[in-house]
């Protein structure tokens, strides 16, 4: 199912901020794969905000290319707009332009997306499908590892700050190797700075790494057959 295995672990992180570089290094160290969802209209350190005292700054393109090499790049909207507040034509501009920009700038096909603010509607899903995007992630936790049929509104297992993260990890590890299962974790890397809990993702990766019955892949490698 997943490169010959039935269980898969995948990650999804949003916004293309400087903390992504540190997160990617952790993933690389433990053999994990992540999909980083980017806003191609915001590739500039001038785009910044604060989260619990932590500086959140968009990386320029050159730093993104060097820091996130080996992981997947996906759409997050050219300017991180709430799709449900846009007209049809505005939705198309926000999504189609981001996909076109990312494919041109990175020289790879882009198959996936994460909804900015987790906001979507049926019209948004139609626009996404129209431009060839195969899946898009919401922010609604399922606390499960079940396969899902609607990949254009794919619900993650949980956020990395979810109080059930490690409980779910132990449950996932105990599943029989023949049980089809996807553990999908999402978040924003700047949250680790603001929440002062980088050890949380490091401990999680350490616990989950090196398992012969788990496939570690990007969102596309796991979700798109």
Protein backbone atom coordinates (compact mmCIF):
# COMPACT_ATOMS: atom_id res chain seq x y z
CA UNK A 1 0.00 0.00 0.00
CA UNK A 2 2.69 2.50 1.03
CA UNK A 3 5.82 1.29 -0.70
CA UNK A 4 5.00 -2.23 0.40
CA UNK A 5 3.89 -1.25 3.93
CA UNK A 6 0.42 -0.73 5.36
CA UNK A 7 1.23 1.95 7.94
CA UNK A 8 2.40 5.46 7.02
CA UNK A 9 3.51 8.56 8.94
CA UNK A 10 3.46 11.99 7.31
CA UNK A 11 3.75 15.64 8.38
CA UNK A 12 2.37 18.94 7.07
CA UNK A 13 3.68 22.38 8.13
CA UNK A 14 2.49 25.76 6.96
CA UNK A 15 3.73 29.21 5.93
CA UNK A 16 7.43 28.85 4.97
CA UNK A 17 8.93 30.56 8.04
CA UNK A 18 12.53 30.46 9.25
CA UNK A 19 11.70 27.89 11.95
CA UNK A 20 10.96 25.43 9.12
CA UNK A 21 14.71 25.04 8.61
CA UNK A 22 15.19 23.75 12.17
CA UNK A 23 12.17 21.49 11.82
CA UNK A 24 13.43 20.06 8.52
CA UNK A 25 16.77 19.27 10.18
CA UNK A 26 14.97 17.28 12.88
CA UNK A 27 12.95 15.40 10.27
CA UNK A 28 16.10 14.65 8.29
CA UNK A 29 17.89 13.35 11.38
CA UNK A 30 15.12 10.85 12.12
CA UNK A 31 14.32 9.85 8.55
CA UNK A 32 10.95 11.61 8.40
CA UNK A 33 9.34 13.34 5.42
CA UNK A 34 7.25 16.50 5.51
CA UNK A 35 5.14 18.59 3.17
CA UNK A 36 5.74 22.33 3.57
CA UNK A 37 2.83 24.48 2.41
CA UNK A 38 3.96 27.82 0.97
CA UNK A 39 2.56 31.22 0.04
CA UNK A 40 4.45 32.24 -3.10
CA UNK A 41 3.28 35.85 -2.84
CA UNK A 42 4.92 36.24 0.57
CA UNK A 43 8.52 35.09 0.01
CA UNK A 44 10.07 38.00 1.88
CA UNK A 45 11.39 38.68 5.40
CA UNK A 46 9.24 41.80 5.30
CA UNK A 47 6.26 39.54 5.99
CA UNK A 48 6.40 38.96 9.72
CA UNK A 49 4.21 38.61 12.81
CA UNK A 50 4.53 37.38 16.38
CA UNK A 51 3.33 34.24 18.13
CA UNK A 52 3.62 34.20 21.92
CA UNK A 53 6.74 36.33 21.79
CA UNK A 54 8.34 34.38 18.94
CA UNK A 55 9.24 36.17 15.70
CA UNK A 56 7.53 34.62 12.69
CA UNK A 57 9.25 35.65 9.47
CA UNK A 58 8.71 34.32 5.95
CA UNK A 59 11.87 32.92 4.41
CA UNK A 60 13.05 34.25 1.04
CA UNK A 61 13.01 31.77 -1.82
CA UNK A 62 16.73 31.01 -1.70
CA UNK A 63 16.57 29.97 1.96
CA UNK A 64 13.49 27.83 1.37
CA UNK A 65 15.20 25.96 -1.45
CA UNK A 66 18.30 25.20 0.62
CA UNK A 67 16.52 24.42 3.89
CA UNK A 68 13.64 22.26 2.69
CA UNK A 69 15.46 20.21 0.06
CA UNK A 70 14.24 16.60 0.06
CA UNK A 71 10.76 17.44 1.33
CA UNK A 72 7.56 18.23 -0.56
CA UNK A 73 6.41 21.72 -1.53
CA UNK A 74 2.66 22.36 -1.66
CA UNK A 75 0.13 25.17 -2.13
CA UNK A 76 -1.10 27.29 0.78
CA UNK A 77 -2.57 30.14 -1.27
CA UNK A 78 -0.48 32.87 -2.89
CA UNK A 79 -1.30 35.36 -0.12
CA UNK A 80 -2.71 33.12 2.64
CA UNK A 81 -6.30 34.27 2.12
CA UNK A 82 -9.49 32.75 3.53
CA UNK A 83 -10.98 31.07 0.45
CA UNK A 84 -14.51 31.20 1.83
CA UNK A 85 -14.38 35.02 1.80
CA UNK A 86 -13.37 35.22 -1.89
CA UNK A 87 -15.29 35.29 -5.14
CA UNK A 88 -14.84 32.46 -7.62
CA UNK A 89 -12.35 34.45 -9.68
CA UNK A 90 -10.43 35.48 -6.55
CA UNK A 91 -10.27 31.84 -5.45
CA UNK A 92 -8.81 30.89 -8.83
CA UNK A 93 -6.20 33.63 -8.63
CA UNK A 94 -5.20 32.66 -5.08
CA UNK A 95 -4.84 28.94 -5.80
CA UNK A 96 -3.92 28.65 -9.46
CA UNK A 97 -1.29 31.39 -9.22
CA UNK A 98 0.31 29.82 -6.16
CA UNK A 99 0.55 26.43 -7.89
CA UNK A 100 1.97 27.97 -11.06
CA UNK A 101 4.50 30.03 -9.11
CA UNK A 102 5.70 27.11 -7.01
CA UNK A 103 6.10 24.83 -10.03
CA UNK A 104 8.05 27.50 -11.89
CA UNK A 105 10.26 28.48 -8.93
CA UNK A 106 11.03 24.96 -7.71
CA UNK A 107 10.95 23.14 -11.04
CA UNK A 108 8.74 20.30 -9.77
CA UNK A 109 5.08 19.38 -10.20
CA UNK A 110 2.92 20.43 -7.23
CA UNK A 111 0.21 17.95 -6.24
CA UNK A 112 -1.05 19.10 -2.86
CA UNK A 113 -2.30 21.90 -0.69
CA UNK A 114 -3.30 22.95 2.83
CA UNK A 115 -6.20 25.36 3.30
CA UNK A 116 -5.18 28.71 4.82
CA UNK A 117 -6.94 28.96 8.21
CA UNK A 118 -8.39 25.54 7.43
CA UNK A 119 -11.19 27.37 5.59
CA UNK A 120 -12.85 25.83 2.53
CA UNK A 121 -16.19 25.29 0.83
CA UNK A 122 -17.48 23.28 -2.11
CA UNK A 123 -16.55 26.03 -4.58
CA UNK A 124 -12.98 26.01 -3.21
CA UNK A 125 -12.75 22.26 -3.71
CA UNK A 126 -13.94 22.63 -7.30
CA UNK A 127 -11.29 25.28 -8.01
CA UNK A 128 -8.60 23.08 -6.51
CA UNK A 129 -9.62 20.05 -8.55
CA UNK A 130 -9.77 22.19 -11.71
CA UNK A 131 -6.06 23.05 -11.50
CA UNK A 132 -4.93 19.49 -10.86
CA UNK A 133 -4.34 19.50 -7.11
CA UNK A 134 -4.87 15.97 -5.78
CA UNK A 135 -5.36 16.58 -2.06
CA UNK A 136 -5.85 19.42 0.41
CA UNK A 137 -5.56 19.33 4.19
CA UNK A 138 -8.00 20.84 6.67
CA UNK A 139 -7.29 21.52 10.37
CA UNK A 140 -10.01 19.27 11.83
CA UNK A 141 -8.46 16.49 13.93
CA UNK A 142 -9.83 12.97 13.57
CA UNK A 143 -7.72 11.27 16.29
CA UNK A 144 -7.80 8.27 13.98
CA UNK A 145 -5.67 6.63 11.30
CA UNK A 146 -8.50 5.68 8.98
CA UNK A 147 -8.26 5.92 5.22
CA UNK A 148 -10.34 8.80 3.79
CA UNK A 149 -12.16 9.00 0.47
CA UNK A 150 -12.35 12.80 0.12
CA UNK A 151 -8.76 13.88 -0.42
CA UNK A 152 -9.79 17.46 -1.23
CA UNK A 153 -10.88 17.84 2.40
CA UNK A 154 -8.41 15.52 4.11
CA UNK A 155 -8.62 15.73 7.89
CA UNK A 156 -5.36 15.21 9.81
CA UNK A 157 -4.94 12.86 12.74
CA UNK A 158 -3.94 15.75 15.01
CA UNK A 159 -1.91 18.90 15.55
CA UNK A 160 1.50 18.42 17.18
CA UNK A 161 0.24 20.20 20.33
CA UNK A 162 -2.75 17.90 20.68
CA UNK A 163 -2.83 16.47 24.20
CA UNK A 164 -3.41 13.01 22.70
CA UNK A 165 -0.33 13.05 20.43
CA UNK A 166 1.74 10.52 22.35
CA UNK A 167 -1.29 8.43 23.27
CA UNK A 168 -2.07 8.21 19.56
CA UNK A 169 1.57 7.42 18.81
CA UNK A 170 1.54 4.40 21.11
CA UNK A 171 -1.75 3.25 19.61
CA UNK A 172 -0.35 3.58 16.09
CA UNK A 173 2.80 1.67 16.97
CA UNK A 174 0.78 -1.16 18.46
CA UNK A 175 -1.36 -1.62 15.34
CA UNK A 176 -0.65 -4.87 13.49
CA UNK A 177 1.62 -4.41 10.48
CA UNK A 178 -1.15 -5.58 8.18
CA UNK A 179 -3.61 -2.86 9.29
CA UNK A 180 -3.94 0.03 6.77
CA UNK A 181 -3.31 3.24 8.73
CA UNK A 182 -2.15 6.84 8.21
CA UNK A 183 -0.80 9.00 11.05
CA UNK A 184 -0.94 12.60 9.81
CA UNK A 185 0.49 15.40 11.99
CA UNK A 186 0.29 19.10 11.15
CA UNK A 187 1.23 22.47 12.61
CA UNK A 188 3.37 25.58 12.26
CA UNK A 189 7.06 25.40 13.13
CA UNK A 190 7.01 28.84 14.76
CA UNK A 191 4.71 27.37 17.41
CA UNK A 192 7.66 25.41 18.81
CA UNK A 193 9.45 28.70 19.50
CA UNK A 194 6.42 30.40 21.02
CA UNK A 195 5.41 27.38 23.09
CA UNK A 196 9.03 26.55 23.96
CA UNK A 197 8.51 22.87 23.19
CA UNK A 198 10.90 21.84 20.44
CA UNK A 199 11.55 18.78 22.58
CA UNK A 200 7.97 17.66 21.80
CA UNK A 201 8.56 17.12 18.10
CA UNK A 202 12.05 15.73 18.73
CA UNK A 203 10.69 13.18 21.22
CA UNK A 204 7.87 12.27 18.86
CA UNK A 205 10.21 11.69 15.93
CA UNK A 206 12.59 9.70 18.11
CA UNK A 207 9.72 7.46 19.26
CA UNK A 208 8.35 6.92 15.76
CA UNK A 209 11.61 6.51 13.82
CA UNK A 210 13.27 3.36 12.53
CA UNK A 211 10.17 1.17 12.48
CA UNK A 212 10.26 -1.49 9.81
CA UNK A 213 6.47 -1.57 9.46
CA UNK A 214 6.05 2.20 8.90
CA UNK A 215 6.49 4.10 5.65
CA UNK A 216 7.80 7.65 6.18
CA UNK A 217 6.63 9.78 3.27
CA UNK A 218 5.47 13.17 2.08
CA UNK A 219 1.76 13.87 1.83
CA UNK A 220 1.74 13.05 -1.87
CA UNK A 221 3.67 9.81 -1.37
CA UNK A 222 1.18 8.72 1.28
CA UNK A 223 -2.15 10.05 -0.03
CA UNK A 224 -1.86 9.95 -3.81
CA UNK A 225 -1.74 6.46 -5.23
